[in-house]
């Protein structure tokens, strides 16, 4: 890490702790931290997590606190007196910062979160194996669900089916599954409802499986009954934009360049105002992480970066189309990790 002049580093984001130690846990409201000194590292965990945190002898030594005890007494034991301390400012609350200053005498808190995000941005071979497995599970679930689509199923029912199919593969959902039908498909972030699939509906599925903490993320589309000319047209535009973005991915280009490749296709087709989000986001231990592929963003792509490509067109009151795949940057281009059928799947209405 940079910031060599720091006396110690205090990591509190559960995702960062998982990345650095292999120990994954959600402490909820309780304190959990990785305390790193120049010659040692210690996990400070709630007593509820003591056994799991200490299960791997290669992980850092563990200090555990019980409800009712002061966890900052253990933080002080792990860090000692520390005037200049590295922290993740985006995760540290004001209250926690004040408690930390009192416990270890920290006079300056230096943000190390950007450096941790930079380390996480490119994946190792071991991480890539897990991501490939997550994407393969996601692909198989997509095919299973598509084959079982019928008119009259509700968005909630389909979301539950997806969750059950992921669990049957010994995986967990990467995030809350989204199923959007009819006009609901024009709402990019829509919670599944009791609305039932009807003839003429576009149906958008956005979900992913996580394998050993690493996330897949996929969006696929179906239509109930024979698609209309307009549905076919908009789907074709989004697919061309999706393919153009993937073709633009290679080491040395910027994230903004990839966004522009998709955006140009959609704008040329006259739908530019209806594509109002970035073309993609980083993927790994979190379903949204660095790099972010925003319009005009200037992060330079490197081999080992993994992110989504997901252009969309959303027409309020009519419906929306999004197609999403996961890609890894490789020498000379990229490899698409998700393989599920990208066609507009037709659900027979009778």
Protein backbone atom coordinates (compact mmCIF):
# COMPACT_ATOMS: atom_id res chain seq x y z
CA UNK A 1 0.00 0.00 0.00
CA UNK A 2 0.94 3.62 -0.37
CA UNK A 3 1.12 5.93 2.67
CA UNK A 4 4.30 4.25 3.96
CA UNK A 5 4.59 6.91 6.65
CA UNK A 6 1.43 5.75 8.42
CA UNK A 7 1.92 4.24 11.86
CA UNK A 8 -0.95 1.77 11.37
CA UNK A 9 -4.05 1.09 9.29
CA UNK A 10 -7.55 0.44 10.64
CA UNK A 11 -9.83 -1.33 8.12
CA UNK A 12 -13.56 -1.54 8.89
CA UNK A 13 -15.37 -2.30 5.62
CA UNK A 14 -16.43 -5.99 5.71
CA UNK A 15 -15.64 -6.28 1.99
CA UNK A 16 -12.13 -4.90 2.46
CA UNK A 17 -11.57 -7.28 5.39
CA UNK A 18 -12.74 -10.19 3.24
CA UNK A 19 -10.41 -9.16 0.43
CA UNK A 20 -7.38 -8.78 2.69
CA UNK A 21 -7.92 -11.79 5.00
CA UNK A 22 -10.41 -14.16 3.37
CA UNK A 23 -12.76 -13.79 6.35
CA UNK A 24 -16.29 -12.78 5.33
CA UNK A 25 -18.89 -11.63 7.84
CA UNK A 26 -21.58 -9.02 8.30
CA UNK A 27 -21.21 -7.63 11.82
CA UNK A 28 -24.41 -5.57 11.46
CA UNK A 29 -24.17 -2.75 14.01
CA UNK A 30 -21.24 -4.26 15.92
CA UNK A 31 -17.60 -3.22 15.54
CA UNK A 32 -15.42 -5.41 13.33
CA UNK A 33 -12.01 -4.29 12.17
CA UNK A 34 -8.64 -5.35 10.82
CA UNK A 35 -5.89 -3.55 12.74
CA UNK A 36 -2.60 -3.51 10.82
CA UNK A 37 0.74 -2.50 12.34
CA UNK A 38 4.06 -2.58 10.43
CA UNK A 39 4.87 -5.98 11.97
CA UNK A 40 1.43 -7.46 12.73
CA UNK A 41 -2.25 -7.64 11.82
CA UNK A 42 -5.15 -8.44 14.14
CA UNK A 43 -8.84 -9.08 13.54
CA UNK A 44 -11.15 -7.48 16.11
CA UNK A 45 -14.55 -9.18 15.92
CA UNK A 46 -17.77 -9.61 17.90
CA UNK A 47 -17.74 -12.76 20.01
CA UNK A 48 -20.46 -14.12 17.72
CA UNK A 49 -17.82 -14.36 14.97
CA UNK A 50 -14.87 -15.60 17.08
CA UNK A 51 -15.01 -19.22 15.94
CA UNK A 52 -15.38 -18.46 12.23
CA UNK A 53 -12.74 -15.74 12.30
CA UNK A 54 -10.23 -18.09 13.88
CA UNK A 55 -11.04 -21.12 11.72
CA UNK A 56 -8.29 -20.41 9.19
CA UNK A 57 -4.84 -20.46 10.82
CA UNK A 58 -3.45 -18.38 7.92
CA UNK A 59 -5.73 -15.46 8.84
CA UNK A 60 -4.73 -12.76 11.30
CA UNK A 61 -4.90 -13.44 15.05
CA UNK A 62 -8.31 -12.72 16.54
CA UNK A 63 -9.46 -10.57 19.43
CA UNK A 64 -13.17 -10.91 20.27
CA UNK A 65 -15.45 -8.73 22.36
CA UNK A 66 -18.80 -9.57 23.95
CA UNK A 67 -21.92 -7.45 23.95
CA UNK A 68 -21.67 -5.01 26.84
CA UNK A 69 -17.88 -4.75 26.61
CA UNK A 70 -15.99 -1.82 25.10
CA UNK A 71 -14.64 -2.98 21.72
CA UNK A 72 -12.29 0.01 21.54
CA UNK A 73 -10.29 -1.46 24.43
CA UNK A 74 -9.36 -4.28 22.02
CA UNK A 75 -8.72 -1.78 19.23
CA UNK A 76 -6.22 -0.06 21.52
CA UNK A 77 -4.65 -3.42 22.38
CA UNK A 78 -4.26 -4.19 18.67
CA UNK A 79 -3.03 -0.76 17.54
CA UNK A 80 -1.39 0.80 20.58
CA UNK A 81 -0.82 4.55 20.57
CA UNK A 82 -1.09 5.82 17.02
CA UNK A 83 -0.98 9.47 16.01
CA UNK A 84 -1.27 9.05 12.22
CA UNK A 85 -3.69 6.32 11.26
CA UNK A 86 -4.97 5.03 7.93
CA UNK A 87 -8.75 4.48 7.75
CA UNK A 88 -11.49 4.00 5.17
CA UNK A 89 -13.20 7.38 5.42
CA UNK A 90 -16.14 6.33 3.26
CA UNK A 91 -16.97 3.63 5.81
CA UNK A 92 -15.99 5.27 9.11
CA UNK A 93 -18.80 7.18 10.86
CA UNK A 94 -18.14 10.39 12.74
CA UNK A 95 -18.98 8.62 16.00
CA UNK A 96 -16.54 5.79 15.22
CA UNK A 97 -13.83 8.31 14.28
CA UNK A 98 -14.27 10.13 17.59
CA UNK A 99 -14.10 6.83 19.51
CA UNK A 100 -11.00 5.83 17.57
CA UNK A 101 -9.26 9.12 18.32
CA UNK A 102 -10.01 8.67 22.01
CA UNK A 103 -8.89 5.03 22.08
CA UNK A 104 -5.52 5.29 20.30
CA UNK A 105 -4.75 9.00 20.35
CA UNK A 106 -5.05 9.39 16.59
CA UNK A 107 -4.54 13.04 15.61
CA UNK A 108 -4.68 12.50 11.84
CA UNK A 109 -6.91 10.05 9.98
CA UNK A 110 -5.64 9.37 6.45
CA UNK A 111 -7.94 7.84 3.83
CA UNK A 112 -6.61 4.53 2.44
CA UNK A 113 -9.89 3.43 0.83
CA UNK A 114 -8.83 4.53 -2.70
CA UNK A 115 -5.71 2.38 -2.45
CA UNK A 116 -7.71 -0.68 -1.37
CA UNK A 117 -10.16 -0.11 -4.24
CA UNK A 118 -7.20 0.14 -6.62
CA UNK A 119 -5.86 -3.21 -5.42
CA UNK A 120 -9.28 -4.83 -5.85
CA UNK A 121 -9.78 -3.44 -9.35
CA UNK A 122 -7.67 -6.11 -11.08
CA UNK A 123 -8.42 -9.73 -10.28
CA UNK A 124 -5.96 -12.54 -9.59
CA UNK A 125 -6.23 -15.92 -11.30
CA UNK A 126 -7.86 -17.35 -8.17
CA UNK A 127 -10.43 -14.54 -8.11
CA UNK A 128 -11.15 -15.04 -11.80
CA UNK A 129 -11.90 -18.72 -11.24
CA UNK A 130 -14.52 -17.79 -8.67
CA UNK A 131 -16.02 -15.11 -10.91
CA UNK A 132 -16.20 -17.50 -13.84
CA UNK A 133 -18.01 -20.01 -11.63
CA UNK A 134 -20.45 -17.32 -10.44
CA UNK A 135 -21.21 -16.39 -14.06
CA UNK A 136 -21.67 -20.05 -15.08
CA UNK A 137 -24.21 -20.56 -12.28
CA UNK A 138 -25.99 -17.34 -13.28
CA UNK A 139 -26.13 -18.54 -16.90
CA UNK A 140 -27.64 -21.89 -15.95
CA UNK A 141 -30.28 -20.22 -13.77
CA UNK A 142 -31.18 -17.84 -16.60
CA UNK A 143 -31.82 -20.74 -18.96
CA UNK A 144 -33.86 -22.64 -16.36
CA UNK A 145 -36.07 -19.64 -15.62
CA UNK A 146 -36.55 -18.71 -19.27
CA UNK A 147 -37.70 -22.22 -20.11
CA UNK A 148 -40.30 -22.07 -17.34
CA UNK A 149 -41.81 -18.69 -18.25
CA UNK A 150 -45.59 -18.67 -18.61
CA UNK A 151 -48.26 -15.95 -18.81
CA UNK A 152 -49.90 -15.37 -15.44
CA UNK A 153 -46.73 -15.73 -13.38
CA UNK A 154 -46.09 -12.74 -11.13
CA UNK A 155 -42.87 -10.77 -10.86
CA UNK A 156 -42.54 -11.88 -7.25
CA UNK A 157 -43.09 -15.53 -8.14
CA UNK A 158 -40.37 -15.37 -10.80
CA UNK A 159 -37.96 -13.62 -8.44
CA UNK A 160 -38.53 -16.39 -5.88
CA UNK A 161 -37.93 -19.03 -8.56
CA UNK A 162 -34.63 -17.40 -9.46
CA UNK A 163 -33.56 -17.31 -5.82
CA UNK A 164 -34.46 -21.00 -5.37
CA UNK A 165 -32.57 -21.97 -8.53
CA UNK A 166 -29.46 -20.12 -7.33
CA UNK A 167 -29.67 -21.83 -3.94
CA UNK A 168 -29.99 -25.22 -5.64
CA UNK A 169 -26.57 -24.54 -7.19
CA UNK A 170 -25.02 -24.03 -3.73
CA UNK A 171 -24.66 -20.32 -4.40
CA UNK A 172 -26.21 -17.14 -3.03
CA UNK A 173 -27.80 -14.19 -4.86
CA UNK A 174 -25.33 -11.41 -5.63
CA UNK A 175 -28.07 -8.84 -4.94
CA UNK A 176 -31.84 -8.58 -4.72
CA UNK A 177 -33.30 -10.11 -7.88
CA UNK A 178 -35.23 -7.75 -10.15
CA UNK A 179 -38.09 -8.93 -12.35
CA UNK A 180 -39.93 -6.19 -14.26
CA UNK A 181 -42.84 -6.71 -16.63
CA UNK A 182 -44.80 -4.44 -18.94
CA UNK A 183 -44.42 -0.75 -18.11
CA UNK A 184 -42.43 -1.72 -15.00
CA UNK A 185 -39.53 -2.67 -17.26
CA UNK A 186 -39.01 1.05 -17.94
CA UNK A 187 -38.03 1.56 -14.26
CA UNK A 188 -34.34 0.55 -14.08
CA UNK A 189 -34.46 -0.12 -10.32
CA UNK A 190 -37.82 -1.77 -9.69
CA UNK A 191 -38.73 -4.12 -6.84
CA UNK A 192 -40.70 -7.18 -8.00
CA UNK A 193 -44.43 -6.80 -7.45
CA UNK A 194 -47.55 -8.94 -7.67
CA UNK A 195 -48.09 -7.86 -11.29
CA UNK A 196 -48.66 -10.89 -13.52
CA UNK A 197 -47.22 -11.43 -16.99
CA UNK A 198 -49.65 -10.53 -19.76
CA UNK A 199 -49.67 -10.80 -23.53
CA UNK A 200 -47.56 -8.04 -25.06
CA UNK A 201 -45.33 -7.57 -22.00
CA UNK A 202 -41.62 -7.03 -22.15
CA UNK A 203 -40.06 -8.85 -19.18
CA UNK A 204 -36.68 -7.81 -17.79
CA UNK A 205 -34.66 -10.08 -15.48
CA UNK A 206 -31.65 -8.66 -13.61
CA UNK A 207 -29.97 -11.05 -11.17
CA UNK A 208 -26.75 -12.82 -10.33
CA UNK A 209 -25.25 -15.66 -8.34
CA UNK A 210 -22.31 -15.19 -5.97
CA UNK A 211 -19.75 -17.97 -5.59
CA UNK A 212 -17.44 -17.81 -2.56
CA UNK A 213 -18.23 -14.11 -2.30
CA UNK A 214 -17.59 -13.21 -5.97
CA UNK A 215 -20.54 -11.86 -7.94
CA UNK A 216 -22.13 -12.49 -11.29
CA UNK A 217 -24.56 -9.95 -12.77
CA UNK A 218 -26.80 -10.61 -15.77
CA UNK A 219 -29.77 -8.96 -17.47
CA UNK A 220 -31.89 -10.79 -20.02
CA UNK A 221 -35.17 -9.98 -21.75
CA UNK A 222 -38.31 -11.88 -22.75
CA UNK A 223 -41.59 -10.91 -24.37
CA UNK A 224 -44.99 -12.50 -23.85
CA UNK A 225 -46.45 -13.34 -27.27
CA UNK A 226 -45.07 -12.34 -30.64
CA UNK A 227 -42.93 -9.19 -30.27
CA UNK A 228 -44.11 -6.05 -32.00
CA UNK A 229 -42.01 -4.27 -34.60
CA UNK A 230 -41.15 -1.56 -32.06
CA UNK A 231 -40.08 -4.11 -29.45
CA UNK A 232 -37.84 -5.81 -32.01
CA UNK A 233 -36.42 -2.45 -33.13
CA UNK A 234 -35.50 -1.26 -29.65
CA UNK A 235 -34.10 -4.64 -28.67
CA UNK A 236 -31.91 -4.64 -31.79
CA UNK A 237 -30.60 -1.14 -31.00
CA UNK A 238 -29.67 -2.10 -27.43
CA UNK A 239 -27.98 -5.31 -28.62
CA UNK A 240 -25.92 -3.36 -31.16
CA UNK A 241 -24.91 -0.90 -28.44
CA UNK A 242 -24.02 -3.78 -26.11
CA UNK A 243 -21.87 -5.43 -28.80
CA UNK A 244 -20.18 -2.15 -29.75
CA UNK A 245 -19.18 -1.53 -26.15
CA UNK A 246 -17.74 -5.03 -25.77
CA UNK A 247 -15.80 -4.67 -29.04
CA UNK A 248 -14.26 -1.43 -27.72
CA UNK A 249 -12.84 -3.02 -24.56
CA UNK A 250 -9.07 -3.49 -24.52
CA UNK A 251 -6.17 -2.47 -22.28
CA UNK A 252 -5.23 1.18 -22.58
CA UNK A 253 -8.61 2.65 -23.52
CA UNK A 254 -10.64 4.59 -20.98
CA UNK A 255 -13.87 3.63 -19.27
CA UNK A 256 -15.48 6.68 -20.90
CA UNK A 257 -14.48 5.36 -24.32
CA UNK A 258 -16.42 2.14 -23.66
CA UNK A 259 -19.49 4.08 -22.53
CA UNK A 260 -19.26 6.26 -25.64
CA UNK A 261 -19.17 3.23 -27.93
CA UNK A 262 -22.58 2.10 -26.67
CA UNK A 263 -24.01 5.61 -26.35
CA UNK A 264 -23.14 6.49 -29.95
CA UNK A 265 -25.23 3.57 -31.26
CA UNK A 266 -28.25 4.49 -29.14
CA UNK A 267 -28.01 8.19 -29.96
CA UNK A 268 -27.68 7.49 -33.69
CA UNK A 269 -30.91 5.47 -33.51
CA UNK A 270 -32.71 8.45 -31.93
CA UNK A 271 -33.01 7.06 -28.39
CA UNK A 272 -30.18 8.95 -26.66
CA UNK A 273 -32.39 10.66 -24.07
CA UNK A 274 -33.76 7.27 -23.00
CA UNK A 275 -30.32 5.86 -22.06
CA UNK A 276 -29.68 7.73 -18.84
CA UNK A 277 -27.21 5.64 -16.87
CA UNK A 278 -23.58 4.57 -17.25
CA UNK A 279 -22.82 1.61 -19.48
CA UNK A 280 -21.39 -0.51 -16.69
CA UNK A 281 -19.70 -0.96 -13.32
CA UNK A 282 -16.93 -3.00 -11.77
CA UNK A 283 -17.70 -6.45 -10.43
CA UNK A 284 -16.03 -8.65 -7.84
CA UNK A 285 -16.64 -9.08 -4.11
CA UNK A 286 -19.27 -6.38 -4.55
CA UNK A 287 -21.79 -6.17 -7.35
CA UNK A 288 -20.90 -2.48 -7.75
CA UNK A 289 -17.22 -1.63 -7.39
CA UNK A 290 -14.41 0.03 -9.36
CA UNK A 291 -14.08 0.79 -12.19
CA UNK A 292 -17.19 2.82 -13.02
CA UNK A 293 -17.85 3.19 -16.75
CA UNK A 294 -19.40 6.65 -16.69
CA UNK A 295 -19.72 8.98 -19.67
CA UNK A 296 -16.37 10.75 -20.17
CA UNK A 297 -14.74 8.87 -17.25
CA UNK A 298 -10.99 8.50 -17.68
CA UNK A 299 -9.94 5.34 -15.81
CA UNK A 300 -7.57 3.44 -18.08
CA UNK A 301 -8.48 -0.22 -18.58
CA UNK A 302 -5.95 -2.81 -17.40
CA UNK A 303 -5.82 -6.58 -17.87
CA UNK A 304 -7.68 -8.33 -15.06
CA UNK A 305 -10.37 -5.68 -14.64
CA UNK A 306 -13.89 -7.13 -14.55
CA UNK A 307 -17.03 -5.12 -15.18
CA UNK A 308 -20.51 -5.20 -16.64
CA UNK A 309 -21.65 -3.94 -20.03
CA UNK A 310 -25.35 -3.02 -19.77
CA UNK A 311 -26.80 -0.37 -22.09
CA UNK A 312 -30.54 0.21 -21.93
CA UNK A 313 -33.45 2.15 -23.41
CA UNK A 314 -36.40 3.01 -21.15
CA UNK A 315 -39.67 4.50 -22.41
CA UNK A 316 -41.95 5.47 -19.52
CA UNK A 317 -45.38 3.85 -19.76
CA UNK A 318 -44.25 1.53 -22.56
CA UNK A 319 -41.38 -0.53 -21.26
CA UNK A 320 -37.63 -0.87 -21.26
CA UNK A 321 -34.86 -3.04 -22.66
CA UNK A 322 -31.46 -3.72 -21.06
CA UNK A 323 -28.91 -6.37 -21.99
CA UNK A 324 -26.08 -7.03 -19.54
CA UNK A 325 -22.99 -9.20 -19.59
CA UNK A 326 -19.83 -9.50 -17.51
CA UNK A 327 -16.43 -9.08 -19.18
CA UNK A 328 -12.77 -9.33 -18.15
CA UNK A 329 -10.09 -7.23 -19.83
CA UNK A 330 -7.41 -9.38 -21.43
CA UNK A 331 -4.40 -8.71 -23.66
CA UNK A 332 -5.70 -7.41 -26.96
CA UNK A 333 -9.36 -7.20 -25.94
CA UNK A 334 -11.71 -8.86 -23.49
CA UNK A 335 -13.44 -12.12 -22.67
CA UNK A 336 -17.16 -12.32 -22.00
CA UNK A 337 -17.73 -14.36 -18.85
CA UNK A 338 -21.52 -14.64 -19.11
CA UNK A 339 -22.76 -16.94 -21.87
CA UNK A 340 -26.57 -17.05 -21.48
CA UNK A 341 -28.62 -16.70 -24.68
CA UNK A 342 -28.85 -13.00 -25.57
CA UNK A 343 -31.86 -13.26 -27.85
CA UNK A 344 -35.25 -11.75 -27.00
CA UNK A 345 -36.95 -14.87 -25.65
CA UNK A 346 -40.55 -15.32 -26.78
CA UNK A 347 -43.07 -16.67 -24.26
CA UNK A 348 -46.07 -18.15 -26.00
CA UNK A 349 -49.19 -16.41 -24.75
CA UNK A 350 -51.47 -19.36 -25.38
